[in-house]
Amino acid sequence: MSNQNPSNQNSEHQQNGKEQVDTQTTSANAFPGGFQAIATAYGDYTKKSFEDTKSFVEKLSGVKSFEKAIEIQTEFAKTAYETFVTESQKIGAMYGDLAKQSYKPFGGFVAKMTPTNR
């Protein structure tokens, strides 16, 4: 039991409540920018993928031999796969950063609420 009088305890609880609300607000404010960056990355990837596919179809339509068609298709598949893996890793890292930023404000609050004397 604490040696504080009830008014001090009430004031402390109010301060902790205010800090919790501030922490939640800070966390919520991290989301719009993070989601915007992720949406932009998806948009950029989609645009690049569409342009690459369009170029592939144009190249393929001008081919006169079966061997050249296979070569162009293989090149396209390799490039599309590499781009997919690279962009997936980049977007995955962005999701990870967003999660870290959204929980960062809670770290200080949890540290304050965790008793250190045992």
PDB file of N, CA and C in Angstrom:
ATOM      1  N   MET A   1       0.834  -1.172   0.000  1.00  0.00           N
ATOM      2  CA  MET A   1       0.000   0.000   0.000  1.00  0.00           C
ATOM      3  C   MET A   1       0.882   1.239   0.000  1.00  0.00           C
ATOM      4  N   SER A   2       0.489   2.262  -0.662  1.00  0.00           N
ATOM      5  CA  SER A   2       1.260   3.486  -0.795  1.00  0.00           C
ATOM      6  C   SER A   2       0.981   4.434   0.366  1.00  0.00           C
ATOM      7  N   ASN A   3       1.961   5.294   0.665  1.00  0.00           N
ATOM      8  CA  ASN A   3       1.795   6.281   1.721  1.00  0.00           C
ATOM      9  C   ASN A   3       1.141   7.555   1.207  1.00  0.00           C
ATOM     10  N   GLN A   4       0.728   7.585  -0.044  1.00  0.00           N
ATOM     11  CA  GLN A   4       0.131   8.790  -0.622  1.00  0.00           C
ATOM     12  C   GLN A   4      -1.305   8.932  -0.140  1.00  0.00           C
ATOM     13  N   ASN A   5      -1.728  10.203  -0.042  1.00  0.00           N
ATOM     14  CA  ASN A   5      -3.125  10.411   0.323  1.00  0.00           C
ATOM     15  C   ASN A   5      -4.001  10.213  -0.912  1.00  0.00           C
ATOM     16  N   PRO A   6      -5.309  10.033  -0.737  1.00  0.00           N
ATOM     17  CA  PRO A   6      -6.202   9.723  -1.857  1.00  0.00           C
ATOM     18  C   PRO A   6      -6.188  10.774  -2.965  1.00  0.00           C
ATOM     19  N   SER A   7      -6.027  12.047  -2.630  1.00  0.00           N
ATOM     20  CA  SER A   7      -6.034  13.074  -3.675  1.00  0.00           C
ATOM     21  C   SER A   7      -4.791  12.965  -4.551  1.00  0.00           C
ATOM     22  N   ASN A   8      -3.638  12.606  -3.956  1.00  0.00           N
ATOM     23  CA  ASN A   8      -2.429  12.410  -4.756  1.00  0.00           C
ATOM     24  C   ASN A   8      -2.571  11.192  -5.669  1.00  0.00           C
ATOM     25  N   GLN A   9      -3.171  10.124  -5.157  1.00  0.00           N
ATOM     26  CA  GLN A   9      -3.384   8.924  -5.975  1.00  0.00           C
ATOM     27  C   GLN A   9      -4.323   9.225  -7.119  1.00  0.00           C
ATOM     28  N   ASN A  10      -5.379   9.996  -6.866  1.00  0.00           N
ATOM     29  CA  ASN A  10      -6.325  10.363  -7.908  1.00  0.00           C
ATOM     30  C   ASN A  10      -5.634  11.203  -8.978  1.00  0.00           C
ATOM     31  N   SER A  11      -4.815  12.140  -8.558  1.00  0.00           N
ATOM     32  CA  SER A  11      -4.072  12.974  -9.494  1.00  0.00           C
ATOM     33  C   SER A  11      -3.118  12.131 -10.345  1.00  0.00           C
ATOM     34  N   GLU A  12      -2.489  11.154  -9.684  1.00  0.00           N
ATOM     35  CA  GLU A  12      -1.569  10.266 -10.400  1.00  0.00           C
ATOM     36  C   GLU A  12      -2.327   9.437 -11.431  1.00  0.00           C
ATOM     37  N   HIS A  13      -3.497   8.928 -11.083  1.00  0.00           N
ATOM     38  CA  HIS A  13      -4.314   8.146 -12.015  1.00  0.00           C
ATOM     39  C   HIS A  13      -4.770   9.013 -13.191  1.00  0.00           C
ATOM     40  N   GLN A  14      -5.124  10.262 -12.910  1.00  0.00           N
ATOM     41  CA  GLN A  14      -5.529  11.162 -13.988  1.00  0.00           C
ATOM     42  C   GLN A  14      -4.362  11.420 -14.935  1.00  0.00           C
ATOM     43  N   GLN A  15      -3.161  11.612 -14.381  1.00  0.00           N
ATOM     44  CA  GLN A  15      -1.977  11.848 -15.207  1.00  0.00           C
ATOM     45  C   GLN A  15      -1.689  10.621 -16.066  1.00  0.00           C
ATOM     46  N   ASN A  16      -1.778   9.419 -15.451  1.00  0.00           N
ATOM     47  CA  ASN A  16      -1.556   8.190 -16.215  1.00  0.00           C
ATOM     48  C   ASN A  16      -2.593   8.034 -17.322  1.00  0.00           C
ATOM     49  N   GLY A  17      -3.842   8.397 -17.045  1.00  0.00           N
ATOM     50  CA  GLY A  17      -4.895   8.329 -18.061  1.00  0.00           C
ATOM     51  C   GLY A  17      -4.620   9.287 -19.202  1.00  0.00           C
ATOM     52  N   LYS A  18      -4.155  10.500 -18.857  1.00  0.00           N
ATOM     53  CA  LYS A  18      -3.823  11.489 -19.888  1.00  0.00           C
ATOM     54  C   LYS A  18      -2.658  10.985 -20.743  1.00  0.00           C
ATOM     55  N   GLU A  19      -1.646  10.404 -20.096  1.00  0.00           N
ATOM     56  CA  GLU A  19      -0.497   9.872 -20.836  1.00  0.00           C
ATOM     57  C   GLU A  19      -0.930   8.742 -21.767  1.00  0.00           C
ATOM     58  N   GLN A  20      -1.854   7.909 -21.306  1.00  0.00           N
ATOM     59  CA  GLN A  20      -2.333   6.805 -22.140  1.00  0.00           C
ATOM     60  C   GLN A  20      -3.075   7.345 -23.368  1.00  0.00           C
ATOM     61  N   VAL A  21      -3.905   8.356 -23.186  1.00  0.00           N
ATOM     62  CA  VAL A  21      -4.628   8.958 -24.306  1.00  0.00           C
ATOM     63  C   VAL A  21      -3.636   9.605 -25.274  1.00  0.00           C
ATOM     64  N   ASP A  22      -2.650  10.318 -24.736  1.00  0.00           N
ATOM     65  CA  ASP A  22      -1.626  10.937 -25.583  1.00  0.00           C
ATOM     66  C   ASP A  22      -0.858   9.879 -26.364  1.00  0.00           C
ATOM     67  N   THR A  23      -0.547   8.767 -25.729  1.00  0.00           N
ATOM     68  CA  THR A  23       0.176   7.674 -26.374  1.00  0.00           C
ATOM     69  C   THR A  23      -0.652   7.092 -27.515  1.00  0.00           C
ATOM     70  N   GLN A  24      -1.927   6.874 -27.281  1.00  0.00           N
ATOM     71  CA  GLN A  24      -2.801   6.323 -28.313  1.00  0.00           C
ATOM     72  C   GLN A  24      -2.943   7.292 -29.472  1.00  0.00           C
ATOM     73  N   THR A  25      -3.023   8.582 -29.179  1.00  0.00           N
ATOM     74  CA  THR A  25      -3.127   9.594 -30.232  1.00  0.00           C
ATOM     75  C   THR A  25      -1.863   9.618 -31.080  1.00  0.00           C
ATOM     76  N   THR A  26      -0.706   9.563 -30.424  1.00  0.00           N
ATOM     77  CA  THR A  26       0.564   9.547 -31.146  1.00  0.00           C
ATOM     78  C   THR A  26       0.653   8.321 -32.035  1.00  0.00           C
ATOM     79  N   SER A  27       0.244   7.187 -31.515  1.00  0.00           N
ATOM     80  CA  SER A  27       0.266   5.944 -32.284  1.00  0.00           C
ATOM     81  C   SER A  27      -0.667   6.038 -33.486  1.00  0.00           C
ATOM     82  N   ALA A  28      -1.855   6.569 -33.282  1.00  0.00           N
ATOM     83  CA  ALA A  28      -2.829   6.692 -34.370  1.00  0.00           C
ATOM     84  C   ALA A  28      -2.340   7.651 -35.446  1.00  0.00           C
ATOM     85  N   ASN A  29      -1.584   8.669 -35.067  1.00  0.00           N
ATOM     86  CA  ASN A  29      -1.077   9.629 -36.043  1.00  0.00           C
ATOM     87  C   ASN A  29       0.005   9.038 -36.933  1.00  0.00           C
ATOM     88  N   ALA A  30       0.645   7.951 -36.512  1.00  0.00           N
ATOM     89  CA  ALA A  30       1.678   7.307 -37.334  1.00  0.00           C
ATOM     90  C   ALA A  30       1.067   6.552 -38.507  1.00  0.00           C
ATOM     91  N   PHE A  31      -0.184   6.135 -38.381  1.00  0.00           N
ATOM     92  CA  PHE A  31      -0.808   5.308 -39.407  1.00  0.00           C
ATOM     93  C   PHE A  31      -1.002   5.996 -40.756  1.00  0.00           C
ATOM     94  N   PRO A  32      -1.580   7.195 -40.837  1.00  0.00           N
ATOM     95  CA  PRO A  32      -1.862   7.753 -42.167  1.00  0.00           C
ATOM     96  C   PRO A  32      -0.636   7.862 -43.066  1.00  0.00           C
ATOM     97  N   GLY A  33       0.470   8.358 -42.544  1.00  0.00           N
ATOM     98  CA  GLY A  33       1.680   8.492 -43.362  1.00  0.00           C
ATOM     99  C   GLY A  33       2.235   7.146 -43.778  1.00  0.00           C
ATOM    100  N   GLY A  34       2.222   6.190 -42.873  1.00  0.00           N
ATOM    101  CA  GLY A  34       2.717   4.852 -43.175  1.00  0.00           C
ATOM    102  C   GLY A  34       1.861   4.154 -44.211  1.00  0.00           C
ATOM    103  N   PHE A  35       0.545   4.253 -44.055  1.00  0.00           N
ATOM    104  CA  PHE A  35      -0.346   3.628 -45.027  1.00  0.00           C
ATOM    105  C   PHE A  35      -0.241   4.315 -46.390  1.00  0.00           C
ATOM    106  N   GLN A  36      -0.045   5.610 -46.380  1.00  0.00           N
ATOM    107  CA  GLN A  36       0.108   6.337 -47.644  1.00  0.00           C
ATOM    108  C   GLN A  36       1.361   5.869 -48.375  1.00  0.00           C
ATOM    109  N   ALA A  37       2.446   5.693 -47.645  1.00  0.00           N
ATOM    110  CA  ALA A  37       3.693   5.220 -48.256  1.00  0.00           C
ATOM    111  C   ALA A  37       3.523   3.806 -48.819  1.00  0.00           C
ATOM    112  N   ILE A  38       2.820   2.952 -48.082  1.00  0.00           N
ATOM    113  CA  ILE A  38       2.582   1.578 -48.549  1.00  0.00           C
ATOM    114  C   ILE A  38       1.694   1.595 -49.788  1.00  0.00           C
ATOM    115  N   ALA A  39       0.651   2.402 -49.778  1.00  0.00           N
ATOM    116  CA  ALA A  39      -0.244   2.503 -50.940  1.00  0.00           C
ATOM    117  C   ALA A  39       0.517   3.017 -52.159  1.00  0.00           C
ATOM    118  N   THR A  40       1.397   3.977 -51.949  1.00  0.00           N
ATOM    119  CA  THR A  40       2.205   4.502 -53.047  1.00  0.00           C
ATOM    120  C   THR A  40       3.127   3.418 -53.606  1.00  0.00           C
ATOM    121  N   ALA A  41       3.728   2.637 -52.723  1.00  0.00           N
ATOM    122  CA  ALA A  41       4.609   1.555 -53.164  1.00  0.00           C
ATOM    123  C   ALA A  41       3.833   0.519 -53.980  1.00  0.00           C
ATOM    124  N   TYR A  42       2.633   0.158 -53.513  1.00  0.00           N
ATOM    125  CA  TYR A  42       1.796  -0.766 -54.283  1.00  0.00           C
ATOM    126  C   TYR A  42       1.442  -0.174 -55.643  1.00  0.00           C
ATOM    127  N   GLY A  43       1.092   1.094 -55.654  1.00  0.00           N
ATOM    128  CA  GLY A  43       0.748   1.769 -56.914  1.00  0.00           C
ATOM    129  C   GLY A  43       1.914   1.783 -57.880  1.00  0.00           C
ATOM    130  N   ASP A  44       3.101   2.101 -57.370  1.00  0.00           N
ATOM    131  CA  ASP A  44       4.298   2.118 -58.218  1.00  0.00           C
ATOM    132  C   ASP A  44       4.596   0.734 -58.778  1.00  0.00           C
ATOM    133  N   TYR A  45       4.457  -0.292 -57.939  1.00  0.00           N
ATOM    134  CA  TYR A  45       4.706  -1.663 -58.387  1.00  0.00           C
ATOM    135  C   TYR A  45       3.697  -2.072 -59.462  1.00  0.00           C
ATOM    136  N   THR A  46       2.438  -1.732 -59.240  1.00  0.00           N
ATOM    137  CA  THR A  46       1.398  -2.074 -60.211  1.00  0.00           C
ATOM    138  C   THR A  46       1.653  -1.388 -61.548  1.00  0.00           C
ATOM    139  N   LYS A  47       2.031  -0.128 -61.495  1.00  0.00           N
ATOM    140  CA  LYS A  47       2.309   0.625 -62.720  1.00  0.00           C
ATOM    141  C   LYS A  47       3.498   0.008 -63.461  1.00  0.00           C
ATOM    142  N   LYS A  48       4.567  -0.307 -62.737  1.00  0.00           N
ATOM    143  CA  LYS A  48       5.747  -0.917 -63.361  1.00  0.00           C
ATOM    144  C   LYS A  48       5.400  -2.275 -63.950  1.00  0.00           C
ATOM    145  N   SER A  49       4.629  -3.066 -63.235  1.00  0.00           N
ATOM    146  CA  SER A  49       4.229  -4.387 -63.707  1.00  0.00           C
ATOM    147  C   SER A  49       3.411  -4.273 -64.993  1.00  0.00           C
ATOM    148  N   PHE A  50       2.487  -3.330 -65.017  1.00  0.00           N
ATOM    149  CA  PHE A  50       1.674  -3.121 -66.219  1.00  0.00           C
ATOM    150  C   PHE A  50       2.539  -2.713 -67.406  1.00  0.00           C
ATOM    151  N   GLU A  51       3.465  -1.772 -67.183  1.00  0.00           N
ATOM    152  CA  GLU A  51       4.346  -1.312 -68.267  1.00  0.00           C
ATOM    153  C   GLU A  51       5.243  -2.444 -68.770  1.00  0.00           C
ATOM    154  N   ASP A  52       5.763  -3.267 -67.846  1.00  0.00           N
ATOM    155  CA  ASP A  52       6.599  -4.408 -68.238  1.00  0.00           C
ATOM    156  C   ASP A  52       5.793  -5.417 -69.055  1.00  0.00           C
ATOM    157  N   THR A  53       4.556  -5.668 -68.654  1.00  0.00           N
ATOM    158  CA  THR A  53       3.705  -6.610 -69.381  1.00  0.00           C
ATOM    159  C   THR A  53       3.370  -6.072 -70.769  1.00  0.00           C
ATOM    160  N   LYS A  54       3.097  -4.795 -70.846  1.00  0.00           N
ATOM    161  CA  LYS A  54       2.802  -4.161 -72.141  1.00  0.00           C
ATOM    162  C   LYS A  54       4.010  -4.291 -73.074  1.00  0.00           C
ATOM    163  N   SER A  55       5.190  -4.023 -72.545  1.00  0.00           N
ATOM    164  CA  SER A  55       6.417  -4.149 -73.341  1.00  0.00           C
ATOM    165  C   SER A  55       6.625  -5.591 -73.790  1.00  0.00           C
ATOM    166  N   PHE A  56       6.358  -6.534 -72.895  1.00  0.00           N
ATOM    167  CA  PHE A  56       6.491  -7.952 -73.224  1.00  0.00           C
ATOM    168  C   PHE A  56       5.563  -8.336 -74.379  1.00  0.00           C
ATOM    169  N   VAL A  57       4.314  -7.908 -74.310  1.00  0.00           N
ATOM    170  CA  VAL A  57       3.345  -8.235 -75.365  1.00  0.00           C
ATOM    171  C   VAL A  57       3.771  -7.614 -76.698  1.00  0.00           C
ATOM    172  N   GLU A  58       4.280  -6.386 -76.655  1.00  0.00           N
ATOM    173  CA  GLU A  58       4.750  -5.736 -77.882  1.00  0.00           C
ATOM    174  C   GLU A  58       5.920  -6.497 -78.497  1.00  0.00           C
ATOM    175  N   LYS A  59       6.868  -6.906 -77.661  1.00  0.00           N
ATOM    176  CA  LYS A  59       8.009  -7.684 -78.152  1.00  0.00           C
ATOM    177  C   LYS A  59       7.552  -9.028 -78.714  1.00  0.00           C
ATOM    178  N   LEU A  60       6.661  -9.670 -77.999  1.00  0.00           N
ATOM    179  CA  LEU A  60       6.191 -10.993 -78.401  1.00  0.00           C
ATOM    180  C   LEU A  60       5.411 -10.942 -79.709  1.00  0.00           C
ATOM    181  N   SER A  61       4.677  -9.859 -79.920  1.00  0.00           N
ATOM    182  CA  SER A  61       3.878  -9.755 -81.148  1.00  0.00           C
ATOM    183  C   SER A  61       4.742  -9.579 -82.397  1.00  0.00           C
ATOM    184  N   GLY A  62       5.978  -9.113 -82.216  1.00  0.00           N
ATOM    185  CA  GLY A  62       6.867  -8.910 -83.359  1.00  0.00           C
ATOM    186  C   GLY A  62       7.790 -10.090 -83.634  1.00  0.00           C
ATOM    187  N   VAL A  63       7.680 -11.160 -82.894  1.00  0.00           N
ATOM    188  CA  VAL A  63       8.568 -12.307 -83.021  1.00  0.00           C
ATOM    189  C   VAL A  63       8.183 -13.154 -84.236  1.00  0.00           C
ATOM    190  N   LYS A  64       9.204 -13.642 -84.932  1.00  0.00           N
ATOM    191  CA  LYS A  64       8.960 -14.443 -86.125  1.00  0.00           C
ATOM    192  C   LYS A  64       9.353 -15.909 -85.932  1.00  0.00           C
ATOM    193  N   SER A  65      10.034 -16.219 -84.814  1.00  0.00           N
ATOM    194  CA  SER A  65      10.427 -17.615 -84.596  1.00  0.00           C
ATOM    195  C   SER A  65       9.979 -18.076 -83.207  1.00  0.00           C
ATOM    196  N   PHE A  66       9.736 -19.368 -83.119  1.00  0.00           N
ATOM    197  CA  PHE A  66       9.307 -19.968 -81.855  1.00  0.00           C
ATOM    198  C   PHE A  66      10.395 -19.836 -80.799  1.00  0.00           C
ATOM    199  N   GLU A  67      11.652 -20.010 -81.194  1.00  0.00           N
ATOM    200  CA  GLU A  67      12.769 -19.927 -80.251  1.00  0.00           C
ATOM    201  C   GLU A  67      12.873 -18.524 -79.638  1.00  0.00           C
ATOM    202  N   LYS A  68      12.687 -17.513 -80.484  1.00  0.00           N
ATOM    203  CA  LYS A  68      12.758 -16.133 -79.993  1.00  0.00           C
ATOM    204  C   LYS A  68      11.590 -15.851 -79.031  1.00  0.00           C
ATOM    205  N   ALA A  69      10.427 -16.408 -79.316  1.00  0.00           N
ATOM    206  CA  ALA A  69       9.269 -16.235 -78.436  1.00  0.00           C
ATOM    207  C   ALA A  69       9.551 -16.840 -77.060  1.00  0.00           C
ATOM    208  N   ILE A  70      10.145 -18.026 -77.044  1.00  0.00           N
ATOM    209  CA  ILE A  70      10.492 -18.676 -75.773  1.00  0.00           C
ATOM    210  C   ILE A  70      11.528 -17.847 -75.024  1.00  0.00           C
ATOM    211  N   GLU A  71      12.497 -17.309 -75.738  1.00  0.00           N
ATOM    212  CA  GLU A  71      13.539 -16.475 -75.124  1.00  0.00           C
ATOM    213  C   GLU A  71      12.928 -15.224 -74.480  1.00  0.00           C
ATOM    214  N   ILE A  72      12.037 -14.563 -75.197  1.00  0.00           N
ATOM    215  CA  ILE A  72      11.391 -13.347 -74.672  1.00  0.00           C
ATOM    216  C   ILE A  72      10.504 -13.691 -73.470  1.00  0.00           C
ATOM    217  N   GLN A  73       9.788 -14.806 -73.562  1.00  0.00           N
ATOM    218  CA  GLN A  73       8.923 -15.213 -72.458  1.00  0.00           C
ATOM    219  C   GLN A  73       9.744 -15.555 -71.210  1.00  0.00           C
ATOM    220  N   THR A  74      10.858 -16.249 -71.407  1.00  0.00           N
ATOM    221  CA  THR A  74      11.725 -16.613 -70.287  1.00  0.00           C
ATOM    222  C   THR A  74      12.311 -15.370 -69.637  1.00  0.00           C
ATOM    223  N   GLU A  75      12.745 -14.434 -70.452  1.00  0.00           N
ATOM    224  CA  GLU A  75      13.298 -13.174 -69.942  1.00  0.00           C
ATOM    225  C   GLU A  75      12.241 -12.406 -69.147  1.00  0.00           C
ATOM    226  N   PHE A  76      11.029 -12.356 -69.685  1.00  0.00           N
ATOM    227  CA  PHE A  76       9.946 -11.659 -68.996  1.00  0.00           C
ATOM    228  C   PHE A  76       9.621 -12.328 -67.660  1.00  0.00           C
ATOM    229  N   ALA A  77       9.525 -13.646 -67.651  1.00  0.00           N
ATOM    230  CA  ALA A  77       9.208 -14.372 -66.418  1.00  0.00           C
ATOM    231  C   ALA A  77      10.278 -14.135 -65.356  1.00  0.00           C
ATOM    232  N   LYS A  78      11.540 -14.173 -65.759  1.00  0.00           N
ATOM    233  CA  LYS A  78      12.641 -13.949 -64.816  1.00  0.00           C
ATOM    234  C   LYS A  78      12.572 -12.532 -64.243  1.00  0.00           C
ATOM    235  N   THR A  79      12.398 -11.560 -65.100  1.00  0.00           N
ATOM    236  CA  THR A  79      12.336 -10.162 -64.663  1.00  0.00           C
ATOM    237  C   THR A  79      11.119  -9.920 -63.779  1.00  0.00           C
ATOM    238  N   ALA A  80       9.973 -10.471 -64.164  1.00  0.00           N
ATOM    239  CA  ALA A  80       8.748 -10.287 -63.372  1.00  0.00           C
ATOM    240  C   ALA A  80       8.911 -10.896 -61.977  1.00  0.00           C
ATOM    241  N   TYR A  81       9.523 -12.070 -61.904  1.00  0.00           N
ATOM    242  CA  TYR A  81       9.738 -12.721 -60.608  1.00  0.00           C
ATOM    243  C   TYR A  81      10.686 -11.897 -59.734  1.00  0.00           C
ATOM    244  N   GLU A  82      11.796 -11.445 -60.312  1.00  0.00           N
ATOM    245  CA  GLU A  82      12.766 -10.654 -59.546  1.00  0.00           C
ATOM    246  C   GLU A  82      12.139  -9.351 -59.038  1.00  0.00           C
ATOM    247  N   THR A  83      11.350  -8.713 -59.881  1.00  0.00           N
ATOM    248  CA  THR A  83      10.683  -7.472 -59.482  1.00  0.00           C
ATOM    249  C   THR A  83       9.684  -7.744 -58.360  1.00  0.00           C
ATOM    250  N   PHE A  84       8.930  -8.838 -58.499  1.00  0.00           N
ATOM    251  CA  PHE A  84       7.957  -9.205 -57.470  1.00  0.00           C
ATOM    252  C   PHE A  84       8.643  -9.429 -56.120  1.00  0.00           C
ATOM    253  N   VAL A  85       9.717 -10.185 -56.112  1.00  0.00           N
ATOM    254  CA  VAL A  85      10.423 -10.476 -54.859  1.00  0.00           C
ATOM    255  C   VAL A  85      10.969  -9.195 -54.243  1.00  0.00           C
ATOM    256  N   THR A  86      11.601  -8.364 -55.049  1.00  0.00           N
ATOM    257  CA  THR A  86      12.174  -7.103 -54.557  1.00  0.00           C
ATOM    258  C   THR A  86      11.095  -6.198 -53.973  1.00  0.00           C
ATOM    259  N   GLU A  87      10.019  -6.012 -54.718  1.00  0.00           N
ATOM    260  CA  GLU A  87       8.949  -5.126 -54.253  1.00  0.00           C
ATOM    261  C   GLU A  87       8.236  -5.705 -53.025  1.00  0.00           C
ATOM    262  N   SER A  88       8.064  -7.013 -52.976  1.00  0.00           N
ATOM    263  CA  SER A  88       7.432  -7.645 -51.810  1.00  0.00           C
ATOM    264  C   SER A  88       8.272  -7.427 -50.559  1.00  0.00           C
ATOM    265  N   GLN A  89       9.574  -7.565 -50.689  1.00  0.00           N
ATOM    266  CA  GLN A  89      10.460  -7.334 -49.546  1.00  0.00           C
ATOM    267  C   GLN A  89      10.405  -5.877 -49.093  1.00  0.00           C
ATOM    268  N   LYS A  90      10.385  -4.970 -50.062  1.00  0.00           N
ATOM    269  CA  LYS A  90      10.327  -3.545 -49.742  1.00  0.00           C
ATOM    270  C   LYS A  90       9.021  -3.198 -49.021  1.00  0.00           C
ATOM    271  N   ILE A  91       7.909  -3.692 -49.539  1.00  0.00           N
ATOM    272  CA  ILE A  91       6.606  -3.405 -48.933  1.00  0.00           C
ATOM    273  C   ILE A  91       6.490  -4.097 -47.579  1.00  0.00           C
ATOM    274  N   GLY A  92       7.012  -5.305 -47.466  1.00  0.00           N
ATOM    275  CA  GLY A  92       7.014  -6.004 -46.176  1.00  0.00           C
ATOM    276  C   GLY A  92       7.786  -5.229 -45.122  1.00  0.00           C
ATOM    277  N   ALA A  93       8.922  -4.661 -45.520  1.00  0.00           N
ATOM    278  CA  ALA A  93       9.715  -3.844 -44.591  1.00  0.00           C
ATOM    279  C   ALA A  93       8.942  -2.590 -44.179  1.00  0.00           C
ATOM    280  N   MET A  94       8.181  -2.030 -45.111  1.00  0.00           N
ATOM    281  CA  MET A  94       7.377  -0.846 -44.792  1.00  0.00           C
ATOM    282  C   MET A  94       6.293  -1.190 -43.764  1.00  0.00           C
ATOM    283  N   TYR A  95       5.672  -2.367 -43.913  1.00  0.00           N
ATOM    284  CA  TYR A  95       4.689  -2.812 -42.915  1.00  0.00           C
ATOM    285  C   TYR A  95       5.367  -2.995 -41.552  1.00  0.00           C
ATOM    286  N   GLY A  96       6.559  -3.561 -41.547  1.00  0.00           N
ATOM    287  CA  GLY A  96       7.297  -3.741 -40.296  1.00  0.00           C
ATOM    288  C   GLY A  96       7.615  -2.420 -39.630  1.00  0.00           C
ATOM    289  N   ASP A  97       8.070  -1.447 -40.424  1.00  0.00           N
ATOM    290  CA  ASP A  97       8.368  -0.120 -39.884  1.00  0.00           C
ATOM    291  C   ASP A  97       7.109   0.541 -39.323  1.00  0.00           C
ATOM    292  N   LEU A  98       5.989   0.374 -40.027  1.00  0.00           N
ATOM    293  CA  LEU A  98       4.730   0.949 -39.557  1.00  0.00           C
ATOM    294  C   LEU A  98       4.336   0.340 -38.216  1.00  0.00           C
ATOM    295  N   ALA A  99       4.485  -0.953 -38.090  1.00  0.00           N
ATOM    296  CA  ALA A  99       4.152  -1.620 -36.824  1.00  0.00           C
ATOM    297  C   ALA A  99       5.058  -1.124 -35.701  1.00  0.00           C
ATOM    298  N   LYS A 100       6.360  -1.004 -35.972  1.00  0.00           N
ATOM    299  CA  LYS A 100       7.288  -0.519 -34.954  1.00  0.00           C
ATOM    300  C   LYS A 100       6.938   0.904 -34.527  1.00  0.00           C
ATOM    301  N   GLN A 101       6.635   1.770 -35.497  1.00  0.00           N
ATOM    302  CA  GLN A 101       6.304   3.155 -35.174  1.00  0.00           C
ATOM    303  C   GLN A 101       5.000   3.253 -34.395  1.00  0.00           C
ATOM    304  N   SER A 102       4.049   2.403 -34.729  1.00  0.00           N
ATOM    305  CA  SER A 102       2.758   2.493 -34.055  1.00  0.00           C
ATOM    306  C   SER A 102       2.834   2.009 -32.608  1.00  0.00           C
ATOM    307  N   TYR A 103       3.776   1.117 -32.301  1.00  0.00           N
ATOM    308  CA  TYR A 103       3.907   0.625 -30.931  1.00  0.00           C
ATOM    309  C   TYR A 103       4.975   1.358 -30.124  1.00  0.00           C
ATOM    310  N   LYS A 104       5.796   2.148 -30.780  1.00  0.00           N
ATOM    311  CA  LYS A 104       6.862   2.865 -30.087  1.00  0.00           C
ATOM    312  C   LYS A 104       6.346   3.757 -28.961  1.00  0.00           C
ATOM    313  N   PRO A 105       5.280   4.528 -29.163  1.00  0.00           N
ATOM    314  CA  PRO A 105       4.803   5.389 -28.068  1.00  0.00           C
ATOM    315  C   PRO A 105       4.373   4.609 -26.827  1.00  0.00           C
ATOM    316  N   PHE A 106       3.950   3.360 -27.008  1.00  0.00           N
ATOM    317  CA  PHE A 106       3.500   2.567 -25.869  1.00  0.00           C
ATOM    318  C   PHE A 106       4.667   2.080 -25.012  1.00  0.00           C
ATOM    319  N   GLY A 107       5.864   2.036 -25.566  1.00  0.00           N
ATOM    320  CA  GLY A 107       7.023   1.556 -24.820  1.00  0.00           C
ATOM    321  C   GLY A 107       7.297   2.382 -23.582  1.00  0.00           C
ATOM    322  N   GLY A 108       7.267   3.693 -23.714  1.00  0.00           N
ATOM    323  CA  GLY A 108       7.501   4.578 -22.580  1.00  0.00           C
ATOM    324  C   GLY A 108       6.392   4.472 -21.550  1.00  0.00           C
ATOM    325  N   PHE A 109       5.174   4.351 -22.025  1.00  0.00           N
ATOM    326  CA  PHE A 109       4.035   4.240 -21.115  1.00  0.00           C
ATOM    327  C   PHE A 109       4.112   2.946 -20.320  1.00  0.00           C
ATOM    328  N   VAL A 110       4.425   1.852 -20.983  1.00  0.00           N
ATOM    329  CA  VAL A 110       4.539   0.557 -20.302  1.00  0.00           C
ATOM    330  C   VAL A 110       5.673   0.591 -19.289  1.00  0.00           C
ATOM    331  N   ALA A 111       6.789   1.230 -19.657  1.00  0.00           N
ATOM    332  CA  ALA A 111       7.922   1.322 -18.731  1.00  0.00           C
ATOM    333  C   ALA A 111       7.530   2.090 -17.469  1.00  0.00           C
ATOM    334  N   LYS A 112       6.724   3.132 -17.609  1.00  0.00           N
ATOM    335  CA  LYS A 112       6.289   3.913 -16.447  1.00  0.00           C
ATOM    336  C   LYS A 112       5.343   3.111 -15.566  1.00  0.00           C
ATOM    337  N   MET A 113       4.537   2.253 -16.187  1.00  0.00           N
ATOM    338  CA  MET A 113       3.525   1.514 -15.445  1.00  0.00           C
ATOM    339  C   MET A 113       4.094   0.234 -14.837  1.00  0.00           C
ATOM    340  N   THR A 114       5.282  -0.183 -15.245  1.00  0.00           N
ATOM    341  CA  THR A 114       5.873  -1.408 -14.738  1.00  0.00           C
ATOM    342  C   THR A 114       6.632  -1.091 -13.455  1.00  0.00           C
ATOM    343  N   PRO A 115       6.319  -1.764 -12.363  1.00  0.00           N
ATOM    344  CA  PRO A 115       7.017  -1.504 -11.102  1.00  0.00           C
ATOM    345  C   PRO A 115       8.482  -1.956 -11.204  1.00  0.00           C
ATOM    346  N   THR A 116       9.365  -1.133 -10.661  1.00  0.00           N
ATOM    347  CA  THR A 116      10.786  -1.463 -10.688  1.00  0.00           C
ATOM    348  C   THR A 116      11.269  -1.978  -9.341  1.00  0.00           C
ATOM    349  N   ASN A 117      10.568  -1.651  -8.270  1.00  0.00           N
ATOM    350  CA  ASN A 117      10.967  -2.138  -6.921  1.00  0.00           C
ATOM    351  C   ASN A 117      10.222  -3.419  -6.617  1.00  0.00           C
ATOM    352  N   ARG A 118      10.958  -4.414  -6.187  1.00  0.00           N
ATOM    353  CA  ARG A 118      10.306  -5.682  -5.833  1.00  0.00           C
ATOM    354  C   ARG A 118      10.758  -6.112  -4.486  1.00  0.00           C
TER     355      ARG A 118
END
